C-alpha cells in the first residue's frame, strides 16, 4: 500500500514536525520555571500522607519524605546553587578589572649610548 501525500500537505506536516521539539522544550521550561512541576509533586506527597493518616494505605509501605525523594532533590537543586552565581560573577568582573590594569614599567639603565641624531638633512 502506497500513501500518496500531496506536496502542500507534506510541507505542512514537516513544519509541524520541525516545531514539535521546540514546543515541547518550551513547555518544559515553563513548567520548571514557574514551579508548577514542584507544586504538583509536593501535592502528591501531601496526598500520600493524607491517605496514610486516614488508614487507606498500609503503613508498612514507606512513604518517601521530601528529603529522601530523588525528584524533590532534583527540583530544588537550582535553589541551592543560586547563592554561588553572584560570587562567581563578581570574581569574573574582578579578574577582568585586573587584566585592564597596565603593568608598572621598571626603569632600566642604559649601558651604551649612541649620539645619533638621525640621517643628515640637506
PDB file of N, CA and C in Angstrom:
ATOM      1  N   UNK A   1       0.834  -1.178   0.000  1.00  0.00           N
ATOM      2  CA  UNK A   1       0.000   0.000   0.000  1.00  0.00           C
ATOM      3  C   UNK A   1       0.882   1.246   0.000  1.00  0.00           C
ATOM      4  N   UNK A   2       0.664   2.108  -0.944  1.00  0.00           N
ATOM      5  CA  UNK A   2       1.435   3.328  -1.081  1.00  0.00           C
ATOM      6  C   UNK A   2       0.546   4.503  -0.679  1.00  0.00           C
ATOM      7  N   UNK A   3       1.098   5.336   0.184  1.00  0.00           N
ATOM      8  CA  UNK A   3       0.348   6.511   0.621  1.00  0.00           C
ATOM      9  C   UNK A   3       0.837   7.699  -0.196  1.00  0.00           C
ATOM     10  N   UNK A   4      -0.066   8.311  -0.888  1.00  0.00           N
ATOM     11  CA  UNK A   4       0.277   9.466  -1.720  1.00  0.00           C
ATOM     12  C   UNK A   4      -0.153  10.739  -0.987  1.00  0.00           C
ATOM     13  N   UNK A   5       0.844  11.523  -0.546  1.00  0.00           N
ATOM     14  CA  UNK A   5       0.565  12.769   0.172  1.00  0.00           C
ATOM     15  C   UNK A   5       0.858  13.920  -0.772  1.00  0.00           C
ATOM     16  N   UNK A   6      -0.088  14.837  -0.930  1.00  0.00           N
ATOM     17  CA  UNK A   6       0.187  15.991  -1.794  1.00  0.00           C
ATOM     18  C   UNK A   6       1.339  16.828  -1.234  1.00  0.00           C
ATOM     19  N   UNK A   7       2.105  17.495  -2.092  1.00  0.00           N
ATOM     20  CA  UNK A   7       3.263  18.258  -1.637  1.00  0.00           C
ATOM     21  C   UNK A   7       2.913  19.366  -0.644  1.00  0.00           C
ATOM     22  N   UNK A   8       1.784  20.018  -0.805  1.00  0.00           N
ATOM     23  CA  UNK A   8       1.412  21.084   0.129  1.00  0.00           C
ATOM     24  C   UNK A   8       1.170  20.508   1.521  1.00  0.00           C
ATOM     25  N   UNK A   9       0.509  19.374   1.576  1.00  0.00           N
ATOM     26  CA  UNK A   9       0.223  18.720   2.866  1.00  0.00           C
ATOM     27  C   UNK A   9       1.515  18.208   3.497  1.00  0.00           C
ATOM     28  N   UNK A  10       2.437  17.723   2.687  1.00  0.00           N
ATOM     29  CA  UNK A  10       3.715  17.228   3.178  1.00  0.00           C
ATOM     30  C   UNK A  10       4.530  18.369   3.789  1.00  0.00           C
ATOM     31  N   UNK A  11       4.520  19.532   3.155  1.00  0.00           N
ATOM     32  CA  UNK A  11       5.250  20.683   3.672  1.00  0.00           C
ATOM     33  C   UNK A  11       4.688  21.119   5.021  1.00  0.00           C
ATOM     34  N   UNK A  12       3.354  21.076   5.156  1.00  0.00           N
ATOM     35  CA  UNK A  12       2.741  21.449   6.434  1.00  0.00           C
ATOM     36  C   UNK A  12       3.111  20.463   7.529  1.00  0.00           C
ATOM     37  N   UNK A  13       3.115  19.190   7.223  1.00  0.00           N
ATOM     38  CA  UNK A  13       3.445  18.188   8.238  1.00  0.00           C
ATOM     39  C   UNK A  13       4.916  18.265   8.628  1.00  0.00           C
ATOM     40  N   UNK A  14       5.797  18.574   7.681  1.00  0.00           N
ATOM     41  CA  UNK A  14       7.208  18.731   8.012  1.00  0.00           C
ATOM     42  C   UNK A  14       7.439  19.955   8.896  1.00  0.00           C
ATOM     43  N   UNK A  15       6.681  21.017   8.653  1.00  0.00           N
ATOM     44  CA  UNK A  15       6.805  22.201   9.502  1.00  0.00           C
ATOM     45  C   UNK A  15       6.369  21.894  10.924  1.00  0.00           C
ATOM     46  N   UNK A  16       5.315  21.104  11.074  1.00  0.00           N
ATOM     47  CA  UNK A  16       4.853  20.723  12.414  1.00  0.00           C
ATOM     48  C   UNK A  16       5.887  19.841  13.093  1.00  0.00           C
ATOM     49  N   UNK A  17       6.478  18.926  12.349  1.00  0.00           N
ATOM     50  CA  UNK A  17       7.496  18.039  12.919  1.00  0.00           C
ATOM     51  C   UNK A  17       8.718  18.837  13.355  1.00  0.00           C
ATOM     52  N   UNK A  18       9.098  19.865  12.600  1.00  0.00           N
ATOM     53  CA  UNK A  18      10.234  20.700  12.978  1.00  0.00           C
ATOM     54  C   UNK A  18       9.944  21.535  14.215  1.00  0.00           C
ATOM     55  N   UNK A  19       8.698  21.967  14.387  1.00  0.00           N
ATOM     56  CA  UNK A  19       8.348  22.833  15.514  1.00  0.00           C
ATOM     57  C   UNK A  19       8.034  22.059  16.785  1.00  0.00           C
ATOM     58  N   UNK A  20       7.732  20.782  16.659  1.00  0.00           N
ATOM     59  CA  UNK A  20       7.312  19.991  17.811  1.00  0.00           C
ATOM     60  C   UNK A  20       8.364  19.935  18.923  1.00  0.00           C
ATOM     61  N   UNK A  21       9.659  19.668  18.657  1.00  0.00           N
ATOM     62  CA  UNK A  21      10.639  19.667  19.752  1.00  0.00           C
ATOM     63  C   UNK A  21      10.779  21.031  20.436  1.00  0.00           C
ATOM     64  N   UNK A  22      10.642  22.088  19.661  1.00  0.00           N
ATOM     65  CA  UNK A  22      10.730  23.427  20.241  1.00  0.00           C
ATOM     66  C   UNK A  22       9.557  23.683  21.178  1.00  0.00           C
ATOM     67  N   UNK A  23       8.379  23.265  20.760  1.00  0.00           N
ATOM     68  CA  UNK A  23       7.191  23.467  21.585  1.00  0.00           C
ATOM     69  C   UNK A  23       7.281  22.648  22.868  1.00  0.00           C
ATOM     70  N   UNK A  24       7.733  21.399  22.751  1.00  0.00           N
ATOM     71  CA  UNK A  24       7.851  20.539  23.934  1.00  0.00           C
ATOM     72  C   UNK A  24       8.884  21.092  24.905  1.00  0.00           C
ATOM     73  N   UNK A  25      10.043  21.526  24.412  1.00  0.00           N
ATOM     74  CA  UNK A  25      11.062  22.081  25.310  1.00  0.00           C
ATOM     75  C   UNK A  25      10.608  23.401  25.922  1.00  0.00           C
ATOM     76  N   UNK A  26       9.870  24.216  25.179  1.00  0.00           N
ATOM     77  CA  UNK A  26       9.340  25.461  25.728  1.00  0.00           C
ATOM     78  C   UNK A  26       8.357  25.180  26.856  1.00  0.00           C
ATOM     79  N   UNK A  27       7.473  24.196  26.651  1.00  0.00           N
ATOM     80  CA  UNK A  27       6.544  23.822  27.715  1.00  0.00           C
ATOM     81  C   UNK A  27       7.286  23.279  28.937  1.00  0.00           C
ATOM     82  N   UNK A  28       8.337  22.517  28.704  1.00  0.00           N
ATOM     83  CA  UNK A  28       9.142  22.004  29.821  1.00  0.00           C
ATOM     84  C   UNK A  28       9.790  23.113  30.618  1.00  0.00           C
ATOM     85  N   UNK A  29      10.347  24.107  29.927  1.00  0.00           N
ATOM     86  CA  UNK A  29      10.958  25.242  30.624  1.00  0.00           C
ATOM     87  C   UNK A  29       9.925  26.048  31.400  1.00  0.00           C
ATOM     88  N   UNK A  30       8.731  26.204  30.832  1.00  0.00           N
ATOM     89  CA  UNK A  30       7.676  26.948  31.527  1.00  0.00           C
ATOM     90  C   UNK A  30       7.239  26.208  32.781  1.00  0.00           C
ATOM     91  N   UNK A  31       7.068  24.897  32.670  1.00  0.00           N
ATOM     92  CA  UNK A  31       6.635  24.103  33.823  1.00  0.00           C
ATOM     93  C   UNK A  31       7.698  24.131  34.925  1.00  0.00           C
ATOM     94  N   UNK A  32       8.969  24.015  34.553  1.00  0.00           N
ATOM     95  CA  UNK A  32      10.032  24.060  35.564  1.00  0.00           C
ATOM     96  C   UNK A  32      10.242  25.464  36.108  1.00  0.00           C
ATOM     97  N   UNK A  33      10.198  26.456  35.248  1.00  0.00           N
ATOM     98  CA  UNK A  33      10.490  27.833  35.669  1.00  0.00           C
ATOM     99  C   UNK A  33       9.421  28.425  36.565  1.00  0.00           C
ATOM    100  N   UNK A  34       8.172  28.067  36.341  1.00  0.00           N
ATOM    101  CA  UNK A  34       7.107  28.621  37.184  1.00  0.00           C
ATOM    102  C   UNK A  34       6.944  27.859  38.483  1.00  0.00           C
ATOM    103  N   UNK A  35       7.558  26.697  38.597  1.00  0.00           N
ATOM    104  CA  UNK A  35       7.421  25.904  39.806  1.00  0.00           C
ATOM    105  C   UNK A  35       6.194  25.021  39.807  1.00  0.00           C
ATOM    106  N   UNK A  36       5.536  24.905  38.675  1.00  0.00           N
ATOM    107  CA  UNK A  36       4.325  24.093  38.582  1.00  0.00           C
ATOM    108  C   UNK A  36       4.624  22.615  38.840  1.00  0.00           C
ATOM    109  N   UNK A  37       5.727  22.118  38.297  1.00  0.00           N
ATOM    110  CA  UNK A  37       6.078  20.714  38.492  1.00  0.00           C
ATOM    111  C   UNK A  37       6.385  20.436  39.958  1.00  0.00           C
ATOM    112  N   UNK A  38       7.120  21.328  40.608  1.00  0.00           N
ATOM    113  CA  UNK A  38       7.410  21.160  42.031  1.00  0.00           C
ATOM    114  C   UNK A  38       6.153  21.204  42.875  1.00  0.00           C
ATOM    115  N   UNK A  39       5.231  22.086  42.534  1.00  0.00           N
ATOM    116  CA  UNK A  39       3.980  22.209  43.268  1.00  0.00           C
ATOM    117  C   UNK A  39       3.144  20.940  43.107  1.00  0.00           C
ATOM    118  N   UNK A  40       3.042  20.413  41.894  1.00  0.00           N
ATOM    119  CA  UNK A  40       2.283  19.189  41.671  1.00  0.00           C
ATOM    120  C   UNK A  40       2.909  18.002  42.396  1.00  0.00           C
ATOM    121  N   UNK A  41       4.233  17.929  42.404  1.00  0.00           N
ATOM    122  CA  UNK A  41       4.905  16.826  43.089  1.00  0.00           C
ATOM    123  C   UNK A  41       4.720  16.929  44.599  1.00  0.00           C
ATOM    124  N   UNK A  42       4.757  18.150  45.135  1.00  0.00           N
ATOM    125  CA  UNK A  42       4.519  18.343  46.560  1.00  0.00           C
ATOM    126  C   UNK A  42       3.093  17.943  46.927  1.00  0.00           C
ATOM    127  N   UNK A  43       2.150  18.233  46.047  1.00  0.00           N
ATOM    128  CA  UNK A  43       0.759  17.833  46.301  1.00  0.00           C
ATOM    129  C   UNK A  43       0.611  16.314  46.319  1.00  0.00           C
ATOM    130  N   UNK A  44       1.379  15.593  45.509  1.00  0.00           N
ATOM    131  CA  UNK A  44       1.314  14.131  45.563  1.00  0.00           C
ATOM    132  C   UNK A  44       1.846  13.615  46.897  1.00  0.00           C
ATOM    133  N   UNK A  45       2.917  14.246  47.415  1.00  0.00           N
ATOM    134  CA  UNK A  45       3.421  13.865  48.742  1.00  0.00           C
ATOM    135  C   UNK A  45       2.347  14.111  49.809  1.00  0.00           C
ATOM    136  N   UNK A  46       1.702  15.263  49.738  1.00  0.00           N
ATOM    137  CA  UNK A  46       0.664  15.568  50.732  1.00  0.00           C
ATOM    138  C   UNK A  46      -0.519  14.617  50.608  1.00  0.00           C
ATOM    139  N   UNK A  47      -0.869  14.230  49.390  1.00  0.00           N
ATOM    140  CA  UNK A  47      -1.965  13.286  49.179  1.00  0.00           C
ATOM    141  C   UNK A  47      -1.616  11.915  49.754  1.00  0.00           C
ATOM    142  N   UNK A  48      -0.379  11.467  49.562  1.00  0.00           N
ATOM    143  CA  UNK A  48       0.052  10.187  50.115  1.00  0.00           C
ATOM    144  C   UNK A  48       0.023  10.210  51.638  1.00  0.00           C
ATOM    145  N   UNK A  49       0.472  11.329  52.234  1.00  0.00           N
ATOM    146  CA  UNK A  49       0.433  11.444  53.694  1.00  0.00           C
ATOM    147  C   UNK A  49      -0.997  11.455  54.208  1.00  0.00           C
ATOM    148  N   UNK A  50      -1.880  12.149  53.505  1.00  0.00           N
ATOM    149  CA  UNK A  50      -3.282  12.193  53.916  1.00  0.00           C
ATOM    150  C   UNK A  50      -3.933  10.824  53.853  1.00  0.00           C
ATOM    151  N   UNK A  51      -3.634  10.065  52.804  1.00  0.00           N
ATOM    152  CA  UNK A  51      -4.174   8.708  52.695  1.00  0.00           C
ATOM    153  C   UNK A  51      -3.631   7.807  53.795  1.00  0.00           C
ATOM    154  N   UNK A  52      -2.341   7.989  54.137  1.00  0.00           N
ATOM    155  CA  UNK A  52      -1.755   7.177  55.203  1.00  0.00           C
ATOM    156  C   UNK A  52      -2.376   7.535  56.551  1.00  0.00           C
ATOM    157  N   UNK A  53      -2.666   8.812  56.777  1.00  0.00           N
ATOM    158  CA  UNK A  53      -3.280   9.216  58.041  1.00  0.00           C
ATOM    159  C   UNK A  53      -4.713   8.718  58.161  1.00  0.00           C
ATOM    160  N   UNK A  54      -5.415   8.608  57.040  1.00  0.00           N
ATOM    161  CA  UNK A  54      -6.784   8.109  57.071  1.00  0.00           C
ATOM    162  C   UNK A  54      -6.840   6.592  57.172  1.00  0.00           C
ATOM    163  N   UNK A  55      -5.737   5.946  56.953  1.00  0.00           N
ATOM    164  CA  UNK A  55      -5.695   4.498  57.058  1.00  0.00           C
ATOM    165  C   UNK A  55      -6.033   3.792  55.779  1.00  0.00           C
ATOM    166  N   UNK A  56      -6.084   4.498  54.656  1.00  0.00           N
ATOM    167  CA  UNK A  56      -6.404   3.874  53.375  1.00  0.00           C
ATOM    168  C   UNK A  56      -5.206   3.145  52.778  1.00  0.00           C
ATOM    169  N   UNK A  57      -4.026   3.496  53.236  1.00  0.00           N
ATOM    170  CA  UNK A  57      -2.809   2.882  52.712  1.00  0.00           C
ATOM    171  C   UNK A  57      -2.154   2.122  53.852  1.00  0.00           C
ATOM    172  N   UNK A  58      -1.595   0.979  53.531  1.00  0.00           N
ATOM    173  CA  UNK A  58      -0.913   0.174  54.543  1.00  0.00           C
ATOM    174  C   UNK A  58       0.311   0.932  55.052  1.00  0.00           C
ATOM    175  N   UNK A  59       0.490   0.986  56.355  1.00  0.00           N
ATOM    176  CA  UNK A  59       1.606   1.741  56.935  1.00  0.00           C
ATOM    177  C   UNK A  59       2.934   1.026  56.747  1.00  0.00           C
ATOM    178  N   UNK A  60       2.902  -0.222  56.344  1.00  0.00           N
ATOM    179  CA  UNK A  60       4.160  -0.932  56.131  1.00  0.00           C
ATOM    180  C   UNK A  60       4.910  -0.402  54.909  1.00  0.00           C
ATOM    181  N   UNK A  61       4.152   0.175  53.965  1.00  0.00           N
ATOM    182  CA  UNK A  61       4.804   0.811  52.815  1.00  0.00           C
ATOM    183  C   UNK A  61       5.408   2.122  53.283  1.00  0.00           C
ATOM    184  N   UNK A  62       6.652   2.328  52.949  1.00  0.00           N
ATOM    185  CA  UNK A  62       7.300   3.567  53.381  1.00  0.00           C
ATOM    186  C   UNK A  62       6.897   4.704  52.458  1.00  0.00           C
ATOM    187  N   UNK A  63       6.452   5.782  53.067  1.00  0.00           N
ATOM    188  CA  UNK A  63       6.100   6.977  52.297  1.00  0.00           C
ATOM    189  C   UNK A  63       7.341   7.854  52.231  1.00  0.00           C
ATOM    190  N   UNK A  64       7.859   8.124  51.049  1.00  0.00           N
ATOM    191  CA  UNK A  64       9.102   8.920  50.974  1.00  0.00           C
ATOM    192  C   UNK A  64       8.864  10.359  51.405  1.00  0.00           C
ATOM    193  N   UNK A  65       9.774  10.847  52.202  1.00  0.00           N
ATOM    194  CA  UNK A  65       9.715  12.244  52.622  1.00  0.00           C
ATOM    195  C   UNK A  65      10.340  13.105  51.543  1.00  0.00           C
ATOM    196  N   UNK A  66      10.184  14.425  51.697  1.00  0.00           N
ATOM    197  CA  UNK A  66      10.745  15.336  50.700  1.00  0.00           C
ATOM    198  C   UNK A  66      12.260  15.289  50.693  1.00  0.00           C
ATOM    199  N   UNK A  67      12.876  14.930  51.823  1.00  0.00           N
ATOM    200  CA  UNK A  67      14.337  14.890  51.891  1.00  0.00           C
ATOM    201  C   UNK A  67      14.916  13.681  51.164  1.00  0.00           C
ATOM    202  N   UNK A  68      14.171  12.572  51.127  1.00  0.00           N
ATOM    203  CA  UNK A  68      14.704  11.364  50.515  1.00  0.00           C
ATOM    204  C   UNK A  68      14.183  11.129  49.103  1.00  0.00           C
ATOM    205  N   UNK A  69      13.284  11.950  48.614  1.00  0.00           N
ATOM    206  CA  UNK A  69      12.725  11.775  47.272  1.00  0.00           C
ATOM    207  C   UNK A  69      13.703  12.349  46.243  1.00  0.00           C
ATOM    208  N   UNK A  70      14.049  11.538  45.244  1.00  0.00           N
ATOM    209  CA  UNK A  70      15.021  11.984  44.236  1.00  0.00           C
ATOM    210  C   UNK A  70      14.486  13.131  43.395  1.00  0.00           C
ATOM    211  N   UNK A  71      13.199  13.080  43.052  1.00  0.00           N
ATOM    212  CA  UNK A  71      12.623  14.146  42.232  1.00  0.00           C
ATOM    213  C   UNK A  71      12.593  15.466  42.998  1.00  0.00           C
ATOM    214  N   UNK A  72      12.301  15.402  44.307  1.00  0.00           N
ATOM    215  CA  UNK A  72      12.313  16.632  45.115  1.00  0.00           C
ATOM    216  C   UNK A  72      13.708  17.240  45.159  1.00  0.00           C
ATOM    217  N   UNK A  73      14.715  16.389  45.293  1.00  0.00           N
ATOM    218  CA  UNK A  73      16.097  16.881  45.329  1.00  0.00           C
ATOM    219  C   UNK A  73      16.460  17.522  43.999  1.00  0.00           C
ATOM    220  N   UNK A  74      16.055  16.906  42.891  1.00  0.00           N
ATOM    221  CA  UNK A  74      16.375  17.467  41.581  1.00  0.00           C
ATOM    222  C   UNK A  74      15.625  18.764  41.311  1.00  0.00           C
ATOM    223  N   UNK A  75      14.396  18.868  41.824  1.00  0.00           N
ATOM    224  CA  UNK A  75      13.634  20.096  41.606  1.00  0.00           C
ATOM    225  C   UNK A  75      14.172  21.253  42.430  1.00  0.00           C
ATOM    226  N   UNK A  76      14.704  20.972  43.618  1.00  0.00           N
ATOM    227  CA  UNK A  76      15.201  22.035  44.487  1.00  0.00           C
ATOM    228  C   UNK A  76      16.696  22.277  44.334  1.00  0.00           C
ATOM    229  N   UNK A  77      17.350  21.542  43.462  1.00  0.00           N
ATOM    230  CA  UNK A  77      18.786  21.702  43.258  1.00  0.00           C
ATOM    231  C   UNK A  77      19.170  23.090  42.749  1.00  0.00           C
ATOM    232  N   UNK A  78      18.464  23.695  41.785  1.00  0.00           N
ATOM    233  CA  UNK A  78      18.841  25.039  41.355  1.00  0.00           C
ATOM    234  C   UNK A  78      18.730  26.075  42.464  1.00  0.00           C
ATOM    235  N   UNK A  79      17.856  25.875  43.432  1.00  0.00           N
ATOM    236  CA  UNK A  79      17.734  26.827  44.545  1.00  0.00           C
ATOM    237  C   UNK A  79      19.007  26.804  45.382  1.00  0.00           C
ATOM    238  N   UNK A  80      19.615  25.627  45.514  1.00  0.00           N
ATOM    239  CA  UNK A  80      20.815  25.515  46.323  1.00  0.00           C
ATOM    240  C   UNK A  80      22.015  26.172  45.657  1.00  0.00           C
ATOM    241  N   UNK A  81      22.111  26.097  44.349  1.00  0.00           N
ATOM    242  CA  UNK A  81      23.279  26.632  43.662  1.00  0.00           C
ATOM    243  C   UNK A  81      23.147  28.112  43.322  1.00  0.00           C
ATOM    244  N   UNK A  82      22.014  28.722  43.593  1.00  0.00           N
ATOM    245  CA  UNK A  82      21.819  30.122  43.211  1.00  0.00           C
ATOM    246  C   UNK A  82      22.698  31.072  44.020  1.00  0.00           C
ATOM    247  N   UNK A  83      23.120  30.674  45.197  1.00  0.00           N
ATOM    248  CA  UNK A  83      23.961  31.539  46.026  1.00  0.00           C
ATOM    249  C   UNK A  83      25.361  31.737  45.479  1.00  0.00           C
ATOM    250  N   UNK A  84      25.847  30.813  44.676  1.00  0.00           N
ATOM    251  CA  UNK A  84      27.192  30.912  44.139  1.00  0.00           C
ATOM    252  C   UNK A  84      27.272  31.794  42.896  1.00  0.00           C
ATOM    253  N   UNK A  85      26.171  32.026  42.241  1.00  0.00           N
ATOM    254  CA  UNK A  85      26.187  32.772  40.980  1.00  0.00           C
ATOM    255  C   UNK A  85      26.687  34.209  41.169  1.00  0.00           C
ATOM    256  N   UNK A  86      26.172  34.997  42.136  1.00  0.00           N
ATOM    257  CA  UNK A  86      26.699  36.359  42.285  1.00  0.00           C
ATOM    258  C   UNK A  86      28.188  36.384  42.651  1.00  0.00           C
ATOM    259  N   UNK A  87      28.625  35.416  43.446  1.00  0.00           N
ATOM    260  CA  UNK A  87      30.036  35.357  43.803  1.00  0.00           C
ATOM    261  C   UNK A  87      30.902  35.100  42.570  1.00  0.00           C
ATOM    262  N   UNK A  88      30.475  34.188  41.717  1.00  0.00           N
ATOM    263  CA  UNK A  88      31.252  33.895  40.510  1.00  0.00           C
ATOM    264  C   UNK A  88      31.239  35.065  39.526  1.00  0.00           C
ATOM    265  N   UNK A  89      30.117  35.777  39.443  1.00  0.00           N
ATOM    266  CA  UNK A  89      30.055  36.949  38.566  1.00  0.00           C
ATOM    267  C   UNK A  89      31.004  38.036  39.076  1.00  0.00           C
ATOM    268  N   UNK A  90      30.998  38.283  40.383  1.00  0.00           N
ATOM    269  CA  UNK A  90      31.900  39.293  40.956  1.00  0.00           C
ATOM    270  C   UNK A  90      33.356  38.889  40.781  1.00  0.00           C
ATOM    271  N   UNK A  91      33.653  37.603  40.927  1.00  0.00           N
ATOM    272  CA  UNK A  91      35.019  37.135  40.722  1.00  0.00           C
ATOM    273  C   UNK A  91      35.450  37.329  39.267  1.00  0.00           C
ATOM    274  N   UNK A  92      34.563  37.068  38.328  1.00  0.00           N
ATOM    275  CA  UNK A  92      34.882  37.295  36.920  1.00  0.00           C
ATOM    276  C   UNK A  92      35.094  38.763  36.600  1.00  0.00           C
ATOM    277  N   UNK A  93      34.277  39.640  37.198  1.00  0.00           N
ATOM    278  CA  UNK A  93      34.467  41.079  36.992  1.00  0.00           C
ATOM    279  C   UNK A  93      35.786  41.556  37.598  1.00  0.00           C
ATOM    280  N   UNK A  94      36.169  41.001  38.745  1.00  0.00           N
ATOM    281  CA  UNK A  94      37.433  41.383  39.372  1.00  0.00           C
ATOM    282  C   UNK A  94      38.613  40.966  38.510  1.00  0.00           C
ATOM    283  N   UNK A  95      38.566  39.770  37.946  1.00  0.00           N
ATOM    284  CA  UNK A  95      39.642  39.310  37.066  1.00  0.00           C
ATOM    285  C   UNK A  95      39.699  40.169  35.808  1.00  0.00           C
ATOM    286  N   UNK A  96      38.530  40.532  35.257  1.00  0.00           N
ATOM    287  CA  UNK A  96      38.513  41.396  34.080  1.00  0.00           C
ATOM    288  C   UNK A  96      39.096  42.773  34.404  1.00  0.00           C
ATOM    289  N   UNK A  97      38.809  43.270  35.605  1.00  0.00           N
ATOM    290  CA  UNK A  97      39.369  44.568  36.011  1.00  0.00           C
ATOM    291  C   UNK A  97      40.886  44.477  36.148  1.00  0.00           C
ATOM    292  N   UNK A  98      41.371  43.385  36.718  1.00  0.00           N
ATOM    293  CA  UNK A  98      42.818  43.244  36.899  1.00  0.00           C
ATOM    294  C   UNK A  98      43.554  43.121  35.574  1.00  0.00           C
ATOM    295  N   UNK A  99      42.929  42.533  34.569  1.00  0.00           N
ATOM    296  CA  UNK A  99      43.602  42.414  33.278  1.00  0.00           C
ATOM    297  C   UNK A  99      43.647  43.742  32.533  1.00  0.00           C
ATOM    298  N   UNK A 100      42.792  44.695  32.900  1.00  0.00           N
ATOM    299  CA  UNK A 100      42.815  46.006  32.249  1.00  0.00           C
ATOM    300  C   UNK A 100      43.901  46.922  32.796  1.00  0.00           C
ATOM    301  N   UNK A 101      44.399  46.644  33.992  1.00  0.00           N
ATOM    302  CA  UNK A 101      45.438  47.491  34.580  1.00  0.00           C
ATOM    303  C   UNK A 101      46.738  47.343  33.800  1.00  0.00           C
ATOM    304  N   UNK A 102      47.405  48.476  33.548  1.00  0.00           N
ATOM    305  CA  UNK A 102      48.682  48.456  32.826  1.00  0.00           C
ATOM    306  C   UNK A 102      49.794  48.079  33.803  1.00  0.00           C
ATOM    307  N   UNK A 103      50.722  47.244  33.353  1.00  0.00           N
ATOM    308  CA  UNK A 103      51.819  46.878  34.264  1.00  0.00           C
ATOM    309  C   UNK A 103      52.750  48.069  34.483  1.00  0.00           C
ATOM    310  N   UNK A 104      53.284  48.140  35.677  1.00  0.00           N
ATOM    311  CA  UNK A 104      54.202  49.234  36.013  1.00  0.00           C
ATOM    312  C   UNK A 104      55.535  48.999  35.310  1.00  0.00           C
ATOM    313  N   UNK A 105      56.061  50.041  34.658  1.00  0.00           N
ATOM    314  CA  UNK A 105      57.328  49.932  33.951  1.00  0.00           C
ATOM    315  C   UNK A 105      58.476  50.114  34.924  1.00  0.00           C
ATOM    316  N   UNK A 106      59.443  49.227  34.831  1.00  0.00           N
ATOM    317  CA  UNK A 106      60.622  49.337  35.701  1.00  0.00           C
ATOM    318  C   UNK A 106      61.715  50.059  34.933  1.00  0.00           C
ATOM    319  N   UNK A 107      62.368  51.013  35.601  1.00  0.00           N
ATOM    320  CA  UNK A 107      63.449  51.732  34.904  1.00  0.00           C
ATOM    321  C   UNK A 107      64.635  50.809  34.633  1.00  0.00           C
ATOM    322  N   UNK A 108      65.211  50.942  33.439  1.00  0.00           N
ATOM    323  CA  UNK A 108      66.353  50.113  33.059  1.00  0.00           C
ATOM    324  C   UNK A 108      67.497  51.041  32.668  1.00  0.00           C
ATOM    325  N   UNK A 109      68.639  50.866  33.277  1.00  0.00           N
ATOM    326  CA  UNK A 109      69.783  51.729  32.934  1.00  0.00           C
ATOM    327  C   UNK A 109      70.340  51.378  31.543  1.00  0.00           C
ATOM    328  N   UNK A 110      70.772  52.406  30.815  1.00  0.00           N
ATOM    329  CA  UNK A 110      71.373  52.203  29.504  1.00  0.00           C
ATOM    330  C   UNK A 110      72.871  52.012  29.667  1.00  0.00           C
ATOM    331  N   UNK A 111      73.377  50.955  29.075  1.00  0.00           N
ATOM    332  CA  UNK A 111      74.793  50.661  29.189  1.00  0.00           C
ATOM    333  C   UNK A 111      75.601  51.334  28.086  1.00  0.00           C
ATOM    334  N   UNK A 112      75.034  51.519  26.953  1.00  0.00           N
ATOM    335  CA  UNK A 112      75.751  52.104  25.833  1.00  0.00           C
ATOM    336  C   UNK A 112      74.845  53.149  25.207  1.00  0.00           C
ATOM    337  N   UNK A 113      75.389  54.357  25.033  1.00  0.00           N
ATOM    338  CA  UNK A 113      74.597  55.433  24.464  1.00  0.00           C
ATOM    339  C   UNK A 113      75.241  55.877  23.155  1.00  0.00           C
ATOM    340  N   UNK A 114      74.427  55.930  22.129  1.00  0.00           N
ATOM    341  CA  UNK A 114      74.928  56.377  20.838  1.00  0.00           C
ATOM    342  C   UNK A 114      74.432  57.794  20.598  1.00  0.00           C
ATOM    343  N   UNK A 115      75.352  58.664  20.172  1.00  0.00           N
ATOM    344  CA  UNK A 115      74.974  60.039  19.889  1.00  0.00           C
ATOM    345  C   UNK A 115      74.531  60.209  18.458  1.00  0.00           C
ATOM    346  N   UNK A 116      73.484  59.635  18.093  1.00  0.00           N
ATOM    347  CA  UNK A 116      72.996  59.682  16.730  1.00  0.00           C
ATOM    348  C   UNK A 116      71.730  60.514  16.693  1.00  0.00           C
ATOM    349  N   UNK A 117      71.696  61.529  15.782  1.00  0.00           N
ATOM    350  CA  UNK A 117      70.527  62.362  15.642  1.00  0.00           C
ATOM    351  C   UNK A 117      69.648  61.923  14.501  1.00  0.00           C
ATOM    352  N   UNK A 118      70.070  60.942  13.750  1.00  0.00           N
ATOM    353  CA  UNK A 118      69.314  60.504  12.616  1.00  0.00           C
ATOM    354  C   UNK A 118      70.033  60.804  11.333  1.00  0.00           C
ATOM    355  N   UNK A 119      69.409  60.653  10.190  1.00  0.00           N
ATOM    356  CA  UNK A 119      70.084  60.889   8.906  1.00  0.00           C
ATOM    357  C   UNK A 119      70.309  62.393   8.690  1.00  0.00           C
ATOM    358  N   UNK A 120      71.344  62.751   7.962  1.00  0.00           N
ATOM    359  CA  UNK A 120      71.602  64.173   7.686  1.00  0.00           C
ATOM    360  C   UNK A 120      70.530  64.758   6.775  1.00  0.00           C
ATOM    361  N   UNK A 121      70.162  65.980   7.069  1.00  0.00           N
ATOM    362  CA  UNK A 121      69.140  66.654   6.295  1.00  0.00           C
ATOM    363  C   UNK A 121      69.822  67.779   5.509  1.00  0.00           C
ATOM    364  N   UNK A 122      69.594  67.883   4.192  1.00  0.00           N
ATOM    365  CA  UNK A 122      70.210  68.934   3.377  1.00  0.00           C
ATOM    366  C   UNK A 122      69.324  70.113   3.201  1.00  0.00           C
TER     367      UNK A 122
END
